Amino acid sequence: MQANSIGRLTFAYNLPKTCTYRKQLLTLSLLWVAVEFVKVRAPITATGFTDSLISTLESPIGCIVYKANLEYMRDRTYPTMESTAGVSELLFGDALGCVRSNSNCVGNKTQFVHGPQLMGAVGDGDTIIGLGFYMNISSSCACVQPMNVPTPLLSQNQSLIKLSDLAVYPLDYVIQDHHISSTAIILSPRYCNDSKKVPMCVTNITDIMDVEVLSTFSTDGTTASIALVKSQFYQTTENQQIGGTAIHGALSTILRTNESNTIAMSGILKAAFLGSPFSGNATQKVSLEAAMEMLYSILLRAGIQRTFDTDGLSCPRYKIQKDRTMVFLNSTGSLAIFFVASLQLVLCIFSLVLGSYWIFSTTPLSPAIRVIREPKHFLASLAASPFAANLQGTGNAPASEIWSRLDVVARIGESIHTVDFEVGEILLSRPEEVIPLANDRKYR
């Protein structure tokens, strides 16, 4: 009993198999080790250290928000198709929302998000909140025969498009309140294995709405390096102005129908469109459709900046605190703490209930407690008991042999030989050689 949990387990395991209480002691020792393990594990598991970023609300920063007011929409003639291809080099991560060619997006479609434009300097990881737009973009492509393509596309000039360029020929736009559909031909012989066919893609822009957007930026500390890395839908707004007409006005200024729009592909556009020839199989079909969704996202971003009305506002800014760490209690650790605390509380109450008997008992308990808790007192009591004779010749014997000789039923009480004396003797002996102790009697 004086040993630790592992010591108790070792002792019980080393007892001879003929020991009467070996199985019970071994079971109790294993349970005790399990309880100790839970006690040690609980505070470690309960306290979790995480390096998750902590953001605090800082002073607002200047920003430009775009408004889909048809009355004030106008063509500023910039950005252009050429400048848009260059800007695509500066679009990192999820700057356009969730683009299917880069991420696993919900619903297997691109979620385009356009937020406010920053005016000022921010730190790495800072986030601003401002008005913007959200819409879903999905494309479907198939290779079609030239007879299904308008004749101007079959001219010699159009067929000499370089493989390093992307030429898109929009055929028409179908406009509804919050839905716009665009059909376009990709003018390049590499996308269909059959030289007599060209890919035709139908792109649907749906669920167009005004929202509040979280825009996150990254920088290496210099103003010139500030780049938008994430645009995230935050919540919808009460004032819903944007619709299919506004989106058509923004997109058609750059991607005009019945015109060949040549884009010098670079960066992410080149990687998306020049992955592999489009032969119609499932993998390549998805790749081309995702690339078209990315293209429309980039052109939509440019079209909104080119045509929508603007307003200067102050956007709330959340600054990342990189020098702080969040310490928290996780659910599994909390359950472990409650379990251990409840178990200990039950055991304490159970011990108090059992111990309350000795408060009212006429038999003292302290001699037995001393034998259990004090090793020296235990050895002294054992040496004075008749069981000491069983240990003769066991000086070099293994522990199992020693404990097998002590595998006896013993009782602590007053020796029957001192009953008539004024001071009795407390003895560890066989049950028939001792009598119960009494509180009103003196012992040595």
Protein backbone atom coordinates (compact mmCIF):
# COMPACT_ATOMS: atom_id res chain seq x y z
CA MET A 1 0.00 0.00 0.00
CA GLN A 2 2.96 2.32 0.55
CA ALA A 3 4.17 1.87 -3.04
CA ASN A 4 3.18 3.90 -6.08
CA SER A 5 0.77 2.65 -8.74
CA ILE A 6 3.44 0.88 -10.80
CA GLY A 7 4.91 -0.64 -7.64
CA ARG A 8 1.54 -2.04 -6.65
CA LEU A 9 1.07 -3.50 -10.11
CA THR A 10 4.53 -5.07 -10.06
CA PHE A 11 3.89 -6.53 -6.62
CA ALA A 12 0.55 -8.04 -7.62
CA TYR A 13 2.00 -9.42 -10.86
CA ASN A 14 4.91 -11.12 -9.02
CA LEU A 15 2.68 -12.87 -6.52
CA PRO A 16 2.61 -16.65 -6.98
CA LYS A 17 -0.33 -18.01 -8.89
CA THR A 18 -1.31 -20.00 -5.81
CA CYS A 19 -1.96 -16.76 -3.93
CA THR A 20 -5.62 -16.53 -2.95
CA TYR A 21 -6.01 -12.82 -3.68
CA ARG A 22 -3.60 -12.47 -6.62
CA LYS A 23 -6.34 -11.95 -9.21
CA GLN A 24 -8.19 -9.37 -7.10
CA LEU A 25 -5.00 -7.45 -6.27
CA LEU A 26 -3.88 -7.47 -9.91
CA THR A 27 -7.27 -6.15 -11.07
CA LEU A 28 -7.25 -3.38 -8.47
CA SER A 29 -3.68 -2.45 -9.41
CA LEU A 30 -4.60 -2.15 -13.08
CA LEU A 31 -7.61 0.01 -12.23
CA TRP A 32 -5.41 2.20 -10.04
CA VAL A 33 -2.89 2.67 -12.87
CA ALA A 34 -5.74 3.61 -15.23
CA VAL A 35 -7.06 6.20 -12.77
CA GLU A 36 -3.57 7.67 -12.31
CA PHE A 37 -3.15 7.85 -16.09
CA VAL A 38 -6.41 9.75 -16.47
CA LYS A 39 -5.39 12.11 -13.65
CA VAL A 40 -2.08 12.90 -15.35
CA ARG A 41 -3.60 13.12 -18.82
CA ALA A 42 -6.53 15.34 -17.85
CA PRO A 43 -4.72 18.67 -17.32
CA ILE A 44 -2.45 18.05 -20.32
CA THR A 45 -5.37 17.26 -22.59
CA ALA A 46 -7.59 19.98 -21.22
CA THR A 47 -5.13 22.77 -21.89
CA GLY A 48 -4.63 23.32 -25.60
CA PHE A 49 -1.99 25.58 -27.11
CA THR A 50 -2.76 26.88 -30.55
CA ASP A 51 -1.01 29.27 -32.90
CA SER A 52 -4.25 30.37 -34.50
CA LEU A 53 -4.17 34.01 -35.47
CA ILE A 54 -5.81 36.49 -33.11
CA SER A 55 -7.24 39.61 -34.71
CA THR A 56 -8.25 42.83 -33.01
CA LEU A 57 -10.35 45.68 -34.36
CA GLU A 58 -8.10 48.60 -35.27
CA SER A 59 -8.76 52.08 -36.63
CA PRO A 60 -10.68 52.12 -39.96
CA ILE A 61 -8.80 52.48 -43.21
CA GLY A 62 -9.77 54.22 -46.43
CA CYS A 63 -11.30 52.04 -49.13
CA ILE A 64 -13.17 52.30 -52.42
CA VAL A 65 -16.45 50.40 -52.72
CA TYR A 66 -18.26 49.70 -55.98
CA LYS A 67 -22.00 50.26 -56.42
CA ALA A 68 -24.17 48.59 -59.06
CA ASN A 69 -26.21 51.72 -59.79
CA LEU A 70 -27.29 51.51 -63.44
CA GLU A 71 -27.88 55.26 -63.56
CA TYR A 72 -24.24 56.04 -62.82
CA MET A 73 -22.56 53.18 -64.69
CA ARG A 74 -20.14 54.36 -67.37
CA ASP A 75 -17.24 52.98 -69.36
CA ARG A 76 -13.95 54.40 -68.08
CA THR A 77 -12.12 52.48 -70.87
CA TYR A 78 -9.80 50.94 -68.27
CA PRO A 79 -8.91 48.21 -67.34
CA THR A 80 -8.56 46.73 -70.82
CA MET A 81 -8.20 43.17 -72.03
CA GLU A 82 -4.44 43.63 -72.24
CA SER A 83 -4.05 45.10 -68.76
CA THR A 84 -6.33 42.47 -67.28
CA ALA A 85 -4.04 39.69 -68.50
CA GLY A 86 -1.16 41.40 -66.73
CA VAL A 87 -3.12 41.91 -63.53
CA SER A 88 -3.81 38.18 -63.42
CA GLU A 89 -0.17 37.77 -62.41
CA LEU A 90 -0.97 39.57 -59.14
CA LEU A 91 -3.94 37.43 -58.13
CA PHE A 92 -2.86 35.07 -55.36
CA GLY A 93 -4.67 32.33 -53.50
CA ASP A 94 -8.36 33.08 -53.05
CA ALA A 95 -8.28 36.71 -54.14
CA LEU A 96 -11.22 36.08 -56.49
CA GLY A 97 -13.16 34.02 -53.95
CA CYS A 98 -13.20 30.26 -54.37
CA VAL A 99 -11.97 29.47 -57.89
CA ARG A 100 -12.60 25.86 -58.89
CA SER A 101 -9.32 25.54 -60.80
CA ASN A 102 -7.40 26.27 -57.57
CA SER A 103 -9.64 24.98 -54.76
CA ASN A 104 -12.36 22.49 -53.90
CA CYS A 105 -15.40 24.73 -54.04
CA VAL A 106 -18.87 23.95 -52.70
CA GLY A 107 -21.29 22.84 -55.38
CA ASN A 108 -18.49 22.15 -57.88
CA LYS A 109 -18.63 25.72 -59.16
CA THR A 110 -16.64 28.92 -58.73
CA GLN A 111 -17.80 31.37 -56.06
CA PHE A 112 -16.69 34.79 -57.28
CA VAL A 113 -16.34 37.44 -54.58
CA HIS A 114 -15.48 41.08 -55.28
CA GLY A 115 -14.68 43.30 -52.32
CA PRO A 116 -13.60 46.88 -51.67
CA GLN A 117 -10.38 48.32 -53.05
CA LEU A 118 -7.77 49.27 -50.45
CA MET A 119 -6.58 52.86 -50.03
CA GLY A 120 -3.68 52.88 -47.60
CA ALA A 121 -1.16 50.56 -46.01
CA VAL A 122 -1.98 47.44 -44.01
CA GLY A 123 0.05 44.78 -42.25
CA ASP A 124 0.55 41.19 -43.28
CA GLY A 125 -2.64 39.22 -42.61
CA ASP A 126 -4.82 42.28 -41.97
CA THR A 127 -8.47 42.04 -43.01
CA ILE A 128 -10.91 44.80 -43.98
CA ILE A 129 -14.70 44.57 -44.19
CA GLY A 130 -16.60 46.39 -46.91
CA LEU A 131 -19.41 46.24 -49.43
CA GLY A 132 -18.98 44.00 -52.44
CA PHE A 133 -20.60 41.38 -54.62
CA TYR A 134 -21.03 37.62 -54.68
CA MET A 135 -22.05 35.29 -57.51
CA ASN A 136 -21.65 31.69 -58.64
CA ILE A 137 -19.97 30.92 -61.96
CA SER A 138 -20.27 27.56 -63.70
CA SER A 139 -19.16 26.57 -67.20
CA SER A 140 -19.99 23.67 -69.48
CA CYS A 141 -17.88 22.95 -72.58
CA ALA A 142 -18.08 20.66 -75.60
CA CYS A 143 -16.33 20.34 -78.95
CA VAL A 144 -18.58 21.35 -81.85
CA GLN A 145 -18.39 21.13 -85.65
CA PRO A 146 -17.37 24.29 -87.57
CA MET A 147 -20.76 24.35 -89.25
CA ASN A 148 -22.21 25.31 -85.88
CA VAL A 149 -19.82 28.25 -85.54
CA PRO A 150 -20.47 31.69 -87.10
CA THR A 151 -18.64 32.08 -90.41
CA PRO A 152 -16.42 35.07 -89.40
CA LEU A 153 -14.54 32.73 -87.10
CA LEU A 154 -13.44 30.55 -89.99
CA SER A 155 -11.44 33.25 -91.74
CA GLN A 156 -7.76 32.66 -92.27
CA ASN A 157 -6.75 35.39 -89.84
CA GLN A 158 -8.75 33.84 -87.01
CA SER A 159 -7.29 30.38 -87.63
CA LEU A 160 -3.71 31.62 -87.20
CA ILE A 161 -4.04 32.30 -83.47
CA LYS A 162 -0.77 31.44 -81.70
CA LEU A 163 -0.85 28.57 -79.23
CA SER A 164 0.60 30.92 -76.60
CA ASP A 165 -2.45 33.17 -76.85
CA LEU A 166 -6.06 32.65 -75.81
CA ALA A 167 -8.74 33.92 -78.18
CA VAL A 168 -12.32 33.97 -76.92
CA TYR A 169 -15.23 34.79 -79.23
CA PRO A 170 -18.44 35.53 -77.26
CA LEU A 171 -21.53 34.71 -79.27
CA ASP A 172 -24.28 36.13 -77.10
CA TYR A 173 -25.45 37.00 -73.61
CA VAL A 174 -28.77 35.96 -72.08
CA ILE A 175 -29.76 38.32 -69.27
CA GLN A 176 -32.23 37.80 -66.42
CA ASP A 177 -32.76 39.55 -63.08
CA HIS A 178 -30.03 37.74 -61.14
CA HIS A 179 -28.74 35.40 -63.80
CA ILE A 180 -26.66 35.90 -66.94
CA SER A 181 -25.55 33.27 -69.44
CA SER A 182 -22.66 33.70 -71.90
CA THR A 183 -21.85 31.42 -74.83
CA ALA A 184 -18.32 31.66 -76.23
CA ILE A 185 -16.00 29.88 -78.64
CA ILE A 186 -12.34 29.28 -77.81
CA LEU A 187 -10.29 29.91 -80.94
CA SER A 188 -7.35 27.55 -80.73
CA PRO A 189 -6.72 24.20 -82.42
CA ARG A 190 -5.10 22.67 -79.31
CA TYR A 191 -8.25 22.18 -77.26
CA CYS A 192 -9.93 19.58 -79.47
CA ASN A 193 -8.02 16.60 -80.83
CA ASP A 194 -10.09 16.89 -83.98
CA SER A 195 -8.80 19.86 -86.01
CA LYS A 196 -12.26 20.25 -87.51
CA LYS A 197 -13.81 21.02 -84.13
CA VAL A 198 -13.57 23.90 -81.70
CA PRO A 199 -14.65 24.02 -78.05
CA MET A 200 -17.83 25.93 -77.22
CA CYS A 201 -18.47 26.87 -73.59
CA VAL A 202 -21.64 28.09 -71.92
CA THR A 203 -20.94 30.03 -68.73
CA ASN A 204 -23.75 30.75 -66.27
CA ILE A 205 -23.43 33.48 -63.65
CA THR A 206 -26.09 32.98 -60.99
CA ASP A 207 -27.03 34.02 -57.44
CA ILE A 208 -25.86 37.59 -58.04
CA MET A 209 -26.16 39.63 -54.84
CA ASP A 210 -24.79 42.55 -52.82
CA VAL A 211 -22.84 41.33 -49.79
CA GLU A 212 -20.30 42.37 -47.21
CA VAL A 213 -16.85 41.00 -48.00
CA LEU A 214 -13.83 40.14 -45.87
CA SER A 215 -10.68 41.07 -47.80
CA THR A 216 -7.38 39.75 -46.45
CA PHE A 217 -4.00 41.13 -47.55
CA SER A 218 -0.42 39.95 -47.47
CA THR A 219 2.79 41.97 -47.50
CA ASP A 220 6.48 41.67 -46.73
CA GLY A 221 6.42 45.01 -44.95
CA THR A 222 6.72 47.34 -47.93
CA THR A 223 3.77 49.24 -49.36
CA ALA A 224 4.49 48.06 -52.91
CA SER A 225 4.19 44.42 -51.88
CA ILE A 226 0.63 44.64 -50.49
CA ALA A 227 -1.50 42.08 -52.32
CA LEU A 228 -5.03 40.80 -51.92
CA VAL A 229 -4.87 37.08 -51.07
CA LYS A 230 -8.40 36.23 -49.93
CA SER A 231 -11.91 37.52 -50.62
CA GLN A 232 -14.54 35.88 -48.46
CA PHE A 233 -18.32 36.22 -48.30
CA TYR A 234 -19.31 37.64 -44.89
CA GLN A 235 -23.03 38.40 -44.96
CA THR A 236 -25.73 39.74 -47.25
CA THR A 237 -26.91 43.35 -47.19
CA GLU A 238 -30.43 44.74 -47.04
CA ASN A 239 -29.98 46.97 -50.09
CA GLN A 240 -29.83 44.67 -53.13
CA GLN A 241 -29.07 46.67 -56.29
CA ILE A 242 -26.92 44.41 -58.42
CA GLY A 243 -28.51 42.19 -61.06
CA GLY A 244 -27.94 40.54 -64.40
CA THR A 245 -28.13 43.86 -66.28
CA ALA A 246 -25.30 45.41 -64.25
CA ILE A 247 -23.11 42.32 -64.64
CA HIS A 248 -23.75 42.28 -68.39
CA GLY A 249 -22.76 45.94 -68.59
CA ALA A 250 -19.50 45.23 -66.74
CA LEU A 251 -18.59 42.08 -68.65
CA SER A 252 -19.53 43.20 -72.15
CA THR A 253 -17.24 46.25 -72.04
CA ILE A 254 -14.24 43.90 -72.00
CA LEU A 255 -15.59 40.69 -73.51
CA ARG A 256 -17.55 42.04 -76.47
CA THR A 257 -19.82 39.81 -78.53
CA ASN A 258 -18.98 39.02 -82.17
CA GLU A 259 -15.39 40.09 -81.61
CA SER A 260 -12.29 38.00 -81.19
CA ASN A 261 -10.79 38.81 -77.80
CA THR A 262 -7.16 37.75 -77.73
CA ILE A 263 -5.50 37.44 -74.33
CA ALA A 264 -1.77 36.89 -73.98
CA MET A 265 -1.87 34.06 -71.48
CA SER A 266 0.55 34.25 -68.61
CA GLY A 267 0.75 33.03 -65.05
CA ILE A 268 -2.34 31.33 -63.70
CA LEU A 269 -4.28 31.68 -66.96
CA LYS A 270 -1.61 29.86 -68.92
CA ALA A 271 -1.44 27.09 -66.34
CA ALA A 272 -5.21 26.71 -66.38
CA PHE A 273 -5.78 26.72 -70.13
CA LEU A 274 -2.66 25.03 -71.46
CA GLY A 275 -2.73 22.02 -69.15
CA SER A 276 -3.59 19.45 -71.83
CA PRO A 277 -5.60 19.19 -75.05
CA PHE A 278 -9.35 18.93 -74.59
CA SER A 279 -10.41 15.56 -75.96
CA GLY A 280 -13.77 15.36 -74.23
CA ASN A 281 -12.86 12.96 -71.42
CA ALA A 282 -14.10 13.77 -67.93
CA THR A 283 -10.84 15.02 -66.41
CA GLN A 284 -9.89 17.35 -69.27
CA LYS A 285 -13.47 18.55 -69.59
CA VAL A 286 -13.53 19.65 -65.95
CA SER A 287 -10.12 21.30 -66.36
CA LEU A 288 -11.25 23.43 -69.31
CA GLU A 289 -14.53 24.37 -67.63
CA ALA A 290 -12.71 25.42 -64.45
CA ALA A 291 -10.30 27.49 -66.54
CA MET A 292 -13.23 29.28 -68.20
CA GLU A 293 -14.69 30.05 -64.77
CA MET A 294 -11.36 31.55 -63.74
CA LEU A 295 -11.23 33.62 -66.93
CA TYR A 296 -14.72 35.01 -66.37
CA SER A 297 -13.84 35.78 -62.73
CA ILE A 298 -10.80 37.81 -63.80
CA LEU A 299 -12.77 39.62 -66.51
CA LEU A 300 -15.67 40.30 -64.12
CA ARG A 301 -13.27 41.84 -61.62
CA ALA A 302 -11.87 44.10 -64.33
CA GLY A 303 -15.33 44.93 -65.72
CA ILE A 304 -16.68 45.97 -62.31
CA GLN A 305 -13.68 48.25 -61.77
CA ARG A 306 -14.16 49.69 -65.25
CA THR A 307 -17.89 50.44 -65.21
CA PHE A 308 -19.39 50.50 -61.71
CA ASP A 309 -19.93 53.66 -59.71
CA THR A 310 -17.46 54.14 -56.85
CA ASP A 311 -17.56 55.71 -53.43
CA GLY A 312 -14.83 56.41 -50.89
CA LEU A 313 -15.52 55.06 -47.41
CA SER A 314 -13.80 53.93 -44.25
CA CYS A 315 -13.66 50.16 -43.89
CA PRO A 316 -13.25 48.44 -40.50
CA ARG A 317 -9.84 46.79 -40.21
CA TYR A 318 -8.87 43.72 -38.21
CA LYS A 319 -5.17 43.49 -37.40
CA ILE A 320 -3.44 40.17 -36.79
CA GLN A 321 -1.65 39.89 -33.43
CA LYS A 322 1.24 37.56 -34.27
CA ASP A 323 2.86 37.82 -30.84
CA ARG A 324 -0.11 36.31 -28.99
CA THR A 325 -1.08 32.68 -28.40
CA MET A 326 -4.52 31.45 -27.50
CA VAL A 327 -4.77 29.00 -24.59
CA PHE A 328 -8.06 27.19 -24.27
CA LEU A 329 -9.77 24.16 -22.78
CA ASN A 330 -10.79 21.69 -25.43
CA SER A 331 -13.79 19.42 -25.14
CA THR A 332 -11.98 16.11 -24.59
CA GLY A 333 -9.82 17.57 -21.85
CA SER A 334 -12.80 19.12 -20.10
CA LEU A 335 -14.61 15.77 -20.17
CA ALA A 336 -11.53 14.08 -18.74
CA ILE A 337 -11.33 16.62 -15.91
CA PHE A 338 -15.02 16.24 -15.08
CA PHE A 339 -14.68 12.45 -15.19
CA VAL A 340 -11.68 12.38 -12.85
CA ALA A 341 -13.21 14.96 -10.51
CA SER A 342 -16.49 13.04 -10.39
CA LEU A 343 -14.68 9.75 -9.79
CA GLN A 344 -12.59 11.23 -7.00
CA LEU A 345 -15.67 12.84 -5.46
CA VAL A 346 -17.53 9.52 -5.52
CA LEU A 347 -14.56 7.72 -3.97
CA CYS A 348 -14.22 10.40 -1.29
CA ILE A 349 -17.90 10.18 -0.39
CA PHE A 350 -17.67 6.39 -0.39
CA SER A 351 -14.61 6.53 1.89
CA LEU A 352 -16.34 8.97 4.24
CA VAL A 353 -19.38 6.72 4.44
CA LEU A 354 -17.21 3.70 5.23
CA GLY A 355 -15.05 5.66 7.65
CA SER A 356 -18.03 7.07 9.50
CA TYR A 357 -18.55 3.63 11.02
CA TRP A 358 -15.29 3.93 12.93
CA ILE A 359 -16.29 7.28 14.40
CA PHE A 360 -19.03 5.58 16.39
CA SER A 361 -17.24 2.26 16.82
CA THR A 362 -15.74 1.18 20.14
CA THR A 363 -12.80 -0.39 18.29
CA PRO A 364 -9.93 1.99 17.37
CA LEU A 365 -8.70 2.04 13.77
CA SER A 366 -5.39 3.89 14.14
CA PRO A 367 -3.18 0.79 14.76
CA ALA A 368 -4.29 -0.75 11.46
CA ILE A 369 -3.77 2.56 9.65
CA ARG A 370 -0.21 2.82 10.97
CA VAL A 371 0.62 -0.69 9.77
CA ILE A 372 -0.65 0.14 6.29
CA ARG A 373 0.82 3.64 5.94
CA GLU A 374 4.16 3.37 7.78
CA PRO A 375 6.64 0.83 6.37
CA LYS A 376 8.81 0.86 9.50
CA HIS A 377 5.83 0.16 11.74
CA PHE A 378 4.76 -2.64 9.40
CA LEU A 379 8.19 -4.29 9.57
CA ALA A 380 8.28 -3.96 13.36
CA SER A 381 4.81 -5.50 13.68
CA LEU A 382 5.76 -8.29 11.27
CA ALA A 383 8.95 -9.08 13.20
CA ALA A 384 6.98 -9.38 16.44
CA SER A 385 4.33 -11.60 14.86
CA PRO A 386 4.43 -15.39 14.55
CA PHE A 387 4.61 -14.97 10.77
CA ALA A 388 8.24 -13.89 11.00
CA ALA A 389 9.22 -17.53 11.41
CA ASN A 390 7.96 -18.15 7.87
CA LEU A 391 10.70 -15.89 6.52
CA GLN A 392 13.61 -17.95 7.80
CA GLY A 393 15.95 -18.95 4.99
CA THR A 394 14.57 -16.39 2.52
CA GLY A 395 17.44 -13.91 2.66
CA ASN A 396 18.33 -14.40 -1.02
CA ALA A 397 14.94 -15.64 -2.15
CA PRO A 398 13.00 -13.81 -4.88
CA ALA A 399 10.24 -11.43 -3.89
CA SER A 400 7.55 -13.85 -5.05
CA GLU A 401 8.87 -16.51 -2.66
CA ILE A 402 8.93 -14.09 0.26
CA TRP A 403 5.39 -12.86 -0.36
CA SER A 404 4.10 -16.41 -0.85
CA ARG A 405 5.24 -17.22 2.70
CA LEU A 406 3.38 -14.15 3.93
CA ASP A 407 0.20 -15.19 2.13
CA VAL A 408 -1.69 -15.68 5.40
CA VAL A 409 -4.83 -14.33 7.03
CA ALA A 410 -3.82 -11.92 9.79
CA ARG A 411 -5.57 -9.57 12.18
CA ILE A 412 -4.42 -6.64 14.31
CA GLY A 413 -5.73 -6.70 17.84
CA GLU A 414 -4.79 -7.28 21.45
CA SER A 415 -2.89 -10.44 22.24
CA ILE A 416 -4.97 -12.92 24.22
CA HIS A 417 -2.01 -13.31 26.57
CA THR A 418 -2.27 -9.69 27.83
CA VAL A 419 -5.99 -9.53 28.47
CA ASP A 420 -5.52 -9.60 32.23
CA PHE A 421 -2.75 -6.99 32.20
CA GLU A 422 -3.31 -3.29 32.86
CA VAL A 423 -1.60 -2.38 29.57
CA GLY A 424 -2.39 -4.61 26.63
CA GLU A 425 -0.14 -5.50 23.69
CA ILE A 426 -1.12 -4.76 20.09
CA LEU A 427 -0.18 -7.74 17.96
CA LEU A 428 -0.29 -8.69 14.28
CA SER A 429 -1.18 -12.37 14.45
CA ARG A 430 -3.63 -15.08 13.53
CA PRO A 431 -7.32 -14.19 14.12
CA GLU A 432 -7.69 -16.72 16.94
CA GLU A 433 -4.73 -15.27 18.86
CA VAL A 434 -6.02 -11.68 19.13
CA ILE A 435 -9.15 -9.95 20.33
CA PRO A 436 -10.62 -6.63 19.14
CA LEU A 437 -9.08 -3.46 20.53
CA ALA A 438 -11.06 -1.13 22.79
CA ASN A 439 -10.99 2.65 23.06
CA ASP A 440 -11.04 2.65 26.88
CA ARG A 441 -7.93 0.48 27.27
CA LYS A 442 -4.21 1.27 27.18
CA TYR A 443 -1.86 -0.50 24.76
CA ARG A 444 1.80 -0.67 23.94
